[in-house]
Amino acid sequence: MNQTFQSEVEFLRSHGLAPVVLGNNEGARLVTLAEYQGRVMTSTMAGDGGPGCGWINRALIASGERTPHINAYGGEDRFWLGPEGGQFSLYFPPGAPFDFDHWQVPAAEDTEVWRLDSAGEPEAAFYTEFSIRNWSGFEKKIRMERVVRLLDCAGIAADLGVTFDKTRVFAVGYVTENRVTNIGQEAWTRENGALSIWMLGMFNPSARTVIVIPYRTDAPGAIVKDDYFGRIPGDRLRIDSGRGRILFSADGNCRGKLGLSNRRATGVLGSYDAENRILTVVHYSPGPADAEYVNAAWEIQERPFEGDTVNAYNDGPLADGSQMGPFYELESSSPAGFPAPGDSLCHTHATFHFSGDPEELNRIAEKLLNGPVTSLTL
């Protein structure tokens, strides 16, 4: 059972954090934190007593400890940089082997407290500046900044291009506008490494949660990459070619990750938790048809600019039986950026949750995810 939104806020506050809460008179709420890089920790569509939709790692936060490699505090919208692997990676020291022992999330994305630039209904703004060397040894001087903006029902309808009866559906929606600026003296190039904006959201799973990703049926190439951590079992992944969508179990019981190229992705993905009757939709700013994307593979890459624009992850036990979650993730990435000194790249990532009348949820899902919620089963 999900925690209530207010209990999550009180939990964060009780552990020395300073939650920034945005809300409106329609019942939408979200909480974000400068201490955790301006990430949105959770949101709800039903007021302070409504369910929190974001996964929060209570055990880690309560411990007060920092862990090696990554501090996975959770949160349903966090701002990272790509690529994760390869010769232009920011997650491995220069020249290090591409293995877990040497993998390290940069402090600016993990433990560093960002500056709260402004906060007031309906938005909050954060930023940080830092420098880091990629695997090839090139130094990047970077400014990361973001605005978190809560939407009302009219704004949700406008952003998604849908209509719904707000007397029959509870909804929360927010947009994060994320920017990376080259504050160094050297342009980022194909030779010293481009970066991308990588947005990740962690959500609470259930035994009946299914991720759904519409795809372009007329695009060339593979429909989905499904072997990041070994191939996803067939009973947990289904390509529904009739409706042009991918269905992927998000029960938090079996570790697996998939990705779509920009040629296949449509700018929308989501999930449906049939147990708690929560429909989630993610909408991001897609790149042009010929855009290049950084490659996340943990290896020296022959094609470092042929990566994914959309990813989804289902958590599960590791080989030793330990598990970080359970949770699942919905992710989007910007095209690779090659800014000159002083120039920026930007990426917008929006998250929406709906609950309420089944007919209204069916209509929203039919419009955005190529089928009603009643069809989102494996």
Protein backbone atom coordinates (compact mmCIF):
# COMPACT_ATOMS: atom_id res chain seq x y z
CA MET A 1 0.00 0.00 0.00
CA ASN A 2 1.39 3.41 -0.96
CA GLN A 3 2.13 5.95 1.78
CA THR A 4 -0.05 9.05 1.85
CA PHE A 5 1.45 12.19 0.38
CA GLN A 6 1.45 13.98 3.73
CA SER A 7 3.14 11.08 5.52
CA GLU A 8 5.92 11.17 2.91
CA VAL A 9 6.41 14.91 3.45
CA GLU A 10 6.50 14.45 7.21
CA PHE A 11 8.99 11.60 6.83
CA LEU A 12 11.34 13.76 4.75
CA ARG A 13 11.06 16.64 7.20
CA SER A 14 11.69 14.37 10.19
CA HIS A 15 15.07 13.43 8.73
CA GLY A 16 16.40 16.96 8.49
CA LEU A 17 15.32 17.74 4.94
CA ALA A 18 13.47 20.87 3.82
CA PRO A 19 10.59 19.79 1.56
CA VAL A 20 9.28 22.31 -0.97
CA VAL A 21 5.59 21.50 -1.49
CA LEU A 22 3.62 22.74 -4.48
CA GLY A 23 -0.15 22.31 -4.51
CA ASN A 24 -3.43 23.64 -5.89
CA ASN A 25 -7.10 23.73 -4.94
CA GLU A 26 -7.87 20.76 -7.21
CA GLY A 27 -6.03 18.38 -4.87
CA ALA A 28 -2.75 18.10 -6.82
CA ARG A 29 0.42 18.06 -4.73
CA LEU A 30 4.13 17.43 -5.27
CA VAL A 31 7.20 17.64 -3.07
CA THR A 32 10.71 18.49 -4.24
CA LEU A 33 14.03 18.93 -2.42
CA ALA A 34 17.13 21.06 -2.96
CA GLU A 35 19.06 18.51 -0.89
CA TYR A 36 18.34 15.90 -3.57
CA GLN A 37 19.13 18.03 -6.63
CA GLY A 38 15.63 19.43 -7.07
CA ARG A 39 14.12 16.03 -7.79
CA VAL A 40 10.39 15.51 -7.40
CA MET A 41 10.15 12.92 -4.65
CA THR A 42 6.46 12.11 -4.98
CA SER A 43 3.14 13.55 -6.07
CA THR A 44 -0.55 12.89 -5.56
CA MET A 45 -3.81 13.70 -7.26
CA ALA A 46 -6.00 13.53 -4.12
CA GLY A 47 -4.76 16.05 -1.56
CA ASP A 48 -2.61 15.51 1.51
CA GLY A 49 -4.29 12.20 2.32
CA GLY A 50 -3.99 10.86 -1.22
CA PRO A 51 -1.51 8.14 -2.21
CA GLY A 52 2.04 9.15 -3.05
CA CYS A 53 2.91 7.87 -6.53
CA GLY A 54 6.70 8.21 -6.35
CA TRP A 55 8.96 5.57 -4.79
CA ILE A 56 10.99 6.89 -1.85
CA ASN A 57 13.85 4.88 -0.37
CA ARG A 58 12.86 5.33 3.26
CA ALA A 59 15.46 2.90 4.58
CA LEU A 60 18.37 4.77 3.02
CA ILE A 61 17.11 8.21 4.02
CA ALA A 62 16.37 7.10 7.58
CA SER A 63 19.85 5.59 7.94
CA GLY A 64 21.53 8.96 7.41
CA GLU A 65 24.34 7.10 5.67
CA ARG A 66 25.91 7.52 2.25
CA THR A 67 26.52 4.45 0.17
CA PRO A 68 29.20 3.74 -2.46
CA HIS A 69 28.42 4.05 -6.16
CA ILE A 70 24.94 5.57 -5.80
CA ASN A 71 22.62 6.94 -3.15
CA ALA A 72 19.26 5.87 -4.54
CA TYR A 73 16.99 8.16 -2.55
CA GLY A 74 14.14 7.58 -5.01
CA GLY A 75 11.89 10.20 -6.52
CA GLU A 76 9.64 10.23 -9.56
CA ASP A 77 11.56 12.86 -11.55
CA ARG A 78 15.33 13.23 -11.25
CA PHE A 79 17.84 14.99 -13.52
CA TRP A 80 20.92 13.03 -14.62
CA LEU A 81 23.39 13.40 -17.46
CA GLY A 82 24.26 10.85 -20.16
CA PRO A 83 26.12 8.89 -21.29
CA GLU A 84 26.39 6.33 -18.54
CA GLY A 85 28.96 4.14 -20.29
CA GLY A 86 31.48 4.33 -23.12
CA GLN A 87 34.47 6.51 -23.83
CA PHE A 88 32.54 9.70 -23.04
CA SER A 89 30.97 8.41 -19.82
CA LEU A 90 30.73 10.61 -16.73
CA TYR A 91 30.19 7.57 -14.47
CA PHE A 92 33.63 5.95 -14.69
CA PRO A 93 36.99 7.55 -13.83
CA PRO A 94 39.33 8.17 -16.78
CA GLY A 95 40.55 4.86 -18.19
CA ALA A 96 38.79 2.68 -15.59
CA PRO A 97 37.25 -0.72 -16.40
CA PHE A 98 33.54 -0.66 -17.20
CA ASP A 99 32.42 -2.68 -14.19
CA PHE A 100 30.30 -2.02 -11.14
CA ASP A 101 33.32 -1.61 -8.83
CA HIS A 102 34.38 1.47 -10.82
CA TRP A 103 30.91 2.86 -11.57
CA GLN A 104 30.13 6.04 -9.63
CA VAL A 105 27.25 8.48 -9.99
CA PRO A 106 28.66 12.03 -10.04
CA ALA A 107 28.10 13.92 -6.78
CA ALA A 108 26.19 16.68 -8.60
CA GLU A 109 23.49 14.09 -9.41
CA ASP A 110 23.71 12.10 -6.20
CA THR A 111 24.74 13.82 -2.95
CA GLU A 112 25.29 17.49 -3.75
CA VAL A 113 22.77 20.02 -2.43
CA TRP A 114 21.55 22.27 -5.23
CA ARG A 115 20.70 25.92 -4.77
CA LEU A 116 17.02 26.77 -4.50
CA ASP A 117 16.79 29.70 -6.89
CA SER A 118 13.12 30.46 -6.28
CA ALA A 119 9.97 28.82 -4.92
CA GLY A 120 6.36 29.93 -5.10
CA GLU A 121 3.12 28.58 -6.49
CA PRO A 122 3.10 26.91 -8.88
CA GLU A 123 6.84 26.34 -9.43
CA ALA A 124 10.31 25.97 -7.92
CA ALA A 125 13.71 26.47 -9.57
CA PHE A 126 17.10 24.92 -8.73
CA TYR A 127 20.66 24.96 -10.10
CA THR A 128 24.25 23.83 -9.55
CA GLU A 129 27.66 24.25 -11.22
CA PHE A 130 30.54 21.77 -11.26
CA SER A 131 33.34 20.28 -13.35
CA ILE A 132 34.06 16.65 -14.13
CA ARG A 133 36.33 14.61 -16.41
CA ASN A 134 34.82 11.96 -18.64
CA TRP A 135 36.30 8.49 -19.20
CA SER A 136 38.56 9.85 -21.96
CA GLY A 137 39.93 12.54 -19.64
CA PHE A 138 38.23 15.61 -21.12
CA GLU A 139 37.09 18.11 -18.51
CA LYS A 140 33.50 19.37 -18.70
CA LYS A 141 32.44 22.51 -16.83
CA ILE A 142 28.71 22.34 -16.42
CA ARG A 143 25.75 24.29 -15.12
CA MET A 144 22.60 22.26 -14.49
CA GLU A 145 19.33 24.02 -13.79
CA ARG A 146 15.71 23.07 -13.67
CA VAL A 147 12.23 24.45 -13.07
CA VAL A 148 9.52 22.23 -11.57
CA ARG A 149 6.03 23.49 -12.48
CA LEU A 150 2.76 22.07 -11.17
CA LEU A 151 -0.17 22.15 -13.62
CA ASP A 152 -3.88 22.47 -13.00
CA CYS A 153 -6.41 20.27 -14.83
CA ALA A 154 -6.70 22.74 -17.68
CA GLY A 155 -2.92 22.73 -18.08
CA ILE A 156 -2.84 18.92 -18.04
CA ALA A 157 -5.48 18.73 -20.75
CA ALA A 158 -3.62 21.28 -22.88
CA ASP A 159 -0.24 19.59 -22.50
CA LEU A 160 -1.54 16.11 -23.36
CA GLY A 161 -4.19 17.14 -25.87
CA VAL A 162 -6.93 15.26 -24.02
CA THR A 163 -10.17 16.22 -22.34
CA PHE A 164 -11.49 14.70 -19.13
CA ASP A 165 -14.19 15.43 -16.59
CA LYS A 166 -12.40 16.66 -13.47
CA THR A 167 -15.45 15.84 -11.36
CA ARG A 168 -14.92 12.17 -12.26
CA VAL A 169 -11.12 12.00 -12.42
CA PHE A 170 -8.49 13.07 -9.90
CA ALA A 171 -5.32 14.25 -11.65
CA VAL A 172 -1.87 15.61 -10.91
CA GLY A 173 0.56 16.77 -13.57
CA TYR A 174 3.83 18.64 -13.58
CA VAL A 175 6.48 19.65 -16.08
CA THR A 176 10.20 19.88 -15.42
CA GLU A 177 12.24 22.10 -17.71
CA ASN A 178 15.84 20.93 -17.55
CA ARG A 179 18.85 22.78 -18.94
CA VAL A 180 22.59 22.04 -19.26
CA THR A 181 24.99 24.87 -20.11
CA ASN A 182 28.63 24.58 -21.17
CA ILE A 183 30.36 27.03 -18.81
CA GLY A 184 33.85 26.01 -19.89
CA GLN A 185 36.15 27.46 -22.54
CA GLU A 186 35.95 24.57 -25.00
CA ALA A 187 33.08 23.37 -27.16
CA TRP A 188 31.74 19.85 -26.62
CA THR A 189 32.42 17.87 -29.78
CA ARG A 190 32.28 14.39 -31.27
CA GLU A 191 35.94 14.04 -30.30
CA ASN A 192 35.76 15.09 -26.63
CA GLY A 193 32.23 13.90 -25.96
CA ALA A 194 28.69 15.20 -26.07
CA LEU A 195 26.33 15.06 -23.11
CA SER A 196 22.59 14.51 -22.88
CA ILE A 197 19.87 15.30 -20.37
CA TRP A 198 18.60 12.05 -18.88
CA MET A 199 15.36 12.09 -16.89
CA LEU A 200 14.38 9.16 -14.66
CA GLY A 201 11.25 8.57 -12.61
CA MET A 202 10.91 5.88 -9.90
CA PHE A 203 7.38 4.68 -9.09
CA ASN A 204 5.69 2.26 -6.74
CA PRO A 205 4.99 -1.12 -8.38
CA SER A 206 2.21 -3.61 -7.78
CA ALA A 207 1.54 -7.17 -8.91
CA ARG A 208 -0.73 -5.76 -11.64
CA THR A 209 1.29 -2.80 -12.93
CA VAL A 210 2.15 -2.80 -16.64
CA ILE A 211 4.38 -0.31 -18.46
CA VAL A 212 3.08 0.64 -21.91
CA ILE A 213 5.18 2.34 -24.60
CA PRO A 214 3.61 3.26 -27.95
CA TYR A 215 5.99 2.91 -30.90
CA ARG A 216 6.12 3.93 -34.54
CA THR A 217 5.18 0.90 -36.59
CA ASP A 218 6.57 2.29 -39.86
CA ALA A 219 10.11 3.07 -38.62
CA PRO A 220 13.16 1.00 -39.60
CA GLY A 221 15.28 -1.07 -37.25
CA ALA A 222 14.57 -3.13 -34.16
CA ILE A 223 11.41 -2.27 -32.25
CA VAL A 224 12.99 -2.55 -28.80
CA LYS A 225 16.33 -3.29 -27.15
CA ASP A 226 15.51 -5.71 -24.34
CA ASP A 227 18.86 -7.20 -23.28
CA TYR A 228 20.47 -4.61 -21.02
CA PHE A 229 20.65 -7.08 -18.10
CA GLY A 230 20.02 -10.24 -20.07
CA ARG A 231 17.00 -10.75 -22.27
CA ILE A 232 13.64 -10.02 -20.63
CA PRO A 233 11.55 -13.24 -20.32
CA GLY A 234 8.76 -13.54 -22.85
CA ASP A 235 6.03 -13.69 -20.22
CA ARG A 236 7.10 -10.25 -18.93
CA LEU A 237 7.36 -8.41 -22.26
CA ARG A 238 4.94 -8.33 -25.18
CA ILE A 239 5.06 -6.42 -28.46
CA ASP A 240 1.47 -5.66 -29.37
CA SER A 241 1.95 -4.96 -33.07
CA GLY A 242 -1.77 -4.59 -33.68
CA ARG A 243 -1.94 -1.52 -31.46
CA GLY A 244 1.68 -0.38 -31.95
CA ARG A 245 2.76 -0.62 -28.31
CA ILE A 246 5.10 -2.49 -26.00
CA LEU A 247 3.81 -3.98 -22.72
CA PHE A 248 6.32 -4.68 -19.93
CA SER A 249 5.63 -6.02 -16.44
CA ALA A 250 6.37 -3.51 -13.66
CA ASP A 251 5.80 -5.67 -10.60
CA GLY A 252 9.21 -5.03 -9.01
CA ASN A 253 9.99 -8.76 -8.96
CA CYS A 254 12.36 -9.33 -11.91
CA ARG A 255 15.19 -7.02 -12.95
CA GLY A 256 15.03 -5.93 -16.58
CA LYS A 257 15.50 -2.87 -18.76
CA LEU A 258 14.46 -1.95 -22.29
CA GLY A 259 15.05 0.94 -24.66
CA LEU A 260 13.63 2.53 -27.81
CA SER A 261 15.42 4.56 -30.44
CA ASN A 262 14.24 8.00 -31.45
CA ARG A 263 13.03 6.47 -34.74
CA ARG A 264 10.59 4.26 -32.84
CA ALA A 265 9.58 6.42 -29.87
CA THR A 266 6.53 8.70 -29.99
CA GLY A 267 7.18 11.15 -27.13
CA VAL A 268 4.75 9.37 -24.78
CA LEU A 269 4.98 6.38 -22.44
CA GLY A 270 3.21 5.34 -19.28
CA SER A 271 1.89 2.62 -17.00
CA TYR A 272 -1.27 1.37 -15.40
CA ASP A 273 -1.50 0.00 -11.87
CA ALA A 274 -4.68 -2.07 -12.00
CA GLU A 275 -4.40 -2.92 -8.31
CA ASN A 276 -4.60 0.72 -7.19
CA ARG A 277 -6.27 2.02 -10.38
CA ILE A 278 -3.61 4.64 -11.13
CA LEU A 279 -2.85 5.60 -14.72
CA THR A 280 0.54 7.27 -15.26
CA VAL A 281 1.58 9.11 -18.42
CA VAL A 282 4.99 10.60 -19.23
CA HIS A 283 5.31 13.14 -22.03
CA TYR A 284 8.72 14.49 -23.09
CA SER A 285 10.14 16.79 -25.75
CA PRO A 286 11.29 14.52 -28.62
CA GLY A 287 14.23 15.35 -30.84
CA PRO A 288 14.04 15.75 -34.62
CA ALA A 289 13.95 12.61 -36.74
CA ASP A 290 17.69 12.75 -37.48
CA ALA A 291 18.80 13.55 -33.90
CA GLU A 292 21.66 11.59 -32.36
CA TYR A 293 21.50 10.11 -28.86
CA VAL A 294 24.35 9.13 -26.55
CA ASN A 295 25.02 5.43 -26.01
CA ALA A 296 24.76 4.08 -22.44
CA ALA A 297 26.51 0.73 -23.02
CA TRP A 298 29.34 -0.11 -20.58
CA GLU A 299 32.02 -0.61 -23.25
CA ILE A 300 34.18 1.26 -25.72
CA GLN A 301 31.63 2.06 -28.39
CA GLU A 302 31.93 1.98 -32.15
CA ARG A 303 28.73 4.06 -32.40
CA PRO A 304 28.66 6.39 -29.39
CA PHE A 305 25.81 8.51 -30.78
CA GLU A 306 23.29 5.76 -31.54
CA GLY A 307 21.63 5.36 -28.15
CA ASP A 308 18.06 5.27 -26.85
CA THR A 309 15.66 8.14 -26.25
CA VAL A 310 13.24 6.14 -24.05
CA ASN A 311 14.01 3.55 -21.39
CA ALA A 312 11.96 1.57 -18.88
CA TYR A 313 13.24 -0.49 -15.95
CA ASN A 314 11.65 -3.03 -13.63
CA ASP A 315 13.50 -3.66 -10.39
CA GLY A 316 14.08 -7.12 -8.97
CA PRO A 317 16.43 -9.14 -6.77
CA LEU A 318 20.11 -9.34 -7.67
CA ALA A 319 21.99 -12.64 -7.85
CA ASP A 320 22.75 -12.47 -4.12
CA GLY A 321 19.07 -11.95 -3.28
CA SER A 322 19.44 -8.29 -2.28
CA GLN A 323 17.18 -5.64 -3.78
CA MET A 324 17.20 -1.85 -3.79
CA GLY A 325 13.47 -1.42 -4.32
CA PRO A 326 11.03 -2.61 -5.40
CA PHE A 327 10.22 0.13 -7.91
CA TYR A 328 9.98 0.67 -11.64
CA GLU A 329 11.31 3.50 -13.81
CA LEU A 330 10.11 5.50 -16.81
CA GLU A 331 12.91 7.47 -18.51
CA SER A 332 13.52 9.89 -21.37
CA SER A 333 16.66 11.46 -22.83
CA SER A 334 17.44 14.53 -24.89
CA PRO A 335 19.46 14.36 -28.09
CA ALA A 336 23.24 14.53 -27.72
CA GLY A 337 24.33 18.11 -27.14
CA PHE A 338 27.38 19.81 -28.68
CA PRO A 339 27.15 23.33 -27.19
CA ALA A 340 29.82 25.96 -27.67
CA PRO A 341 30.97 27.83 -24.53
CA GLY A 342 27.96 29.63 -23.04
CA ASP A 343 25.40 27.63 -25.03
CA SER A 344 22.86 25.18 -23.63
CA LEU A 345 20.74 22.14 -24.33
CA CYS A 346 17.24 21.74 -22.88
CA HIS A 347 14.81 18.89 -22.32
CA THR A 348 11.24 18.93 -21.02
CA HIS A 349 9.85 15.92 -19.17
CA ALA A 350 6.28 15.88 -17.83
CA THR A 351 4.59 13.37 -15.52
CA PHE A 352 0.86 12.84 -14.99
CA HIS A 353 -1.17 10.56 -12.72
CA PHE A 354 -4.91 9.91 -13.02
CA SER A 355 -7.38 7.97 -10.89
CA GLY A 356 -11.16 7.80 -10.79
CA ASP A 357 -13.93 6.78 -13.16
CA PRO A 358 -12.85 3.74 -15.25
CA GLU A 359 -14.54 5.07 -18.39
CA GLU A 360 -12.58 8.32 -18.15
CA LEU A 361 -9.30 6.43 -17.57
CA ASN A 362 -10.06 4.21 -20.56
CA ARG A 363 -10.62 7.26 -22.75
CA ILE A 364 -7.36 8.92 -21.66
CA ALA A 365 -5.35 5.73 -22.18
CA GLU A 366 -6.96 5.06 -25.56
CA LYS A 367 -5.93 8.51 -26.75
CA LEU A 368 -2.37 8.50 -25.37
CA LEU A 369 -1.29 4.87 -24.98
CA ASN A 370 -3.02 3.15 -27.89
CA GLY A 371 -5.60 1.28 -25.86
CA PRO A 372 -7.92 1.48 -22.84
CA VAL A 373 -6.62 0.59 -19.38
CA THR A 374 -8.66 -2.61 -19.53
CA SER A 375 -6.36 -3.79 -22.34
CA LEU A 376 -3.10 -3.13 -20.46
CA THR A 377 -2.37 -6.67 -19.38
CA LEU A 378 0.26 -9.24 -20.23
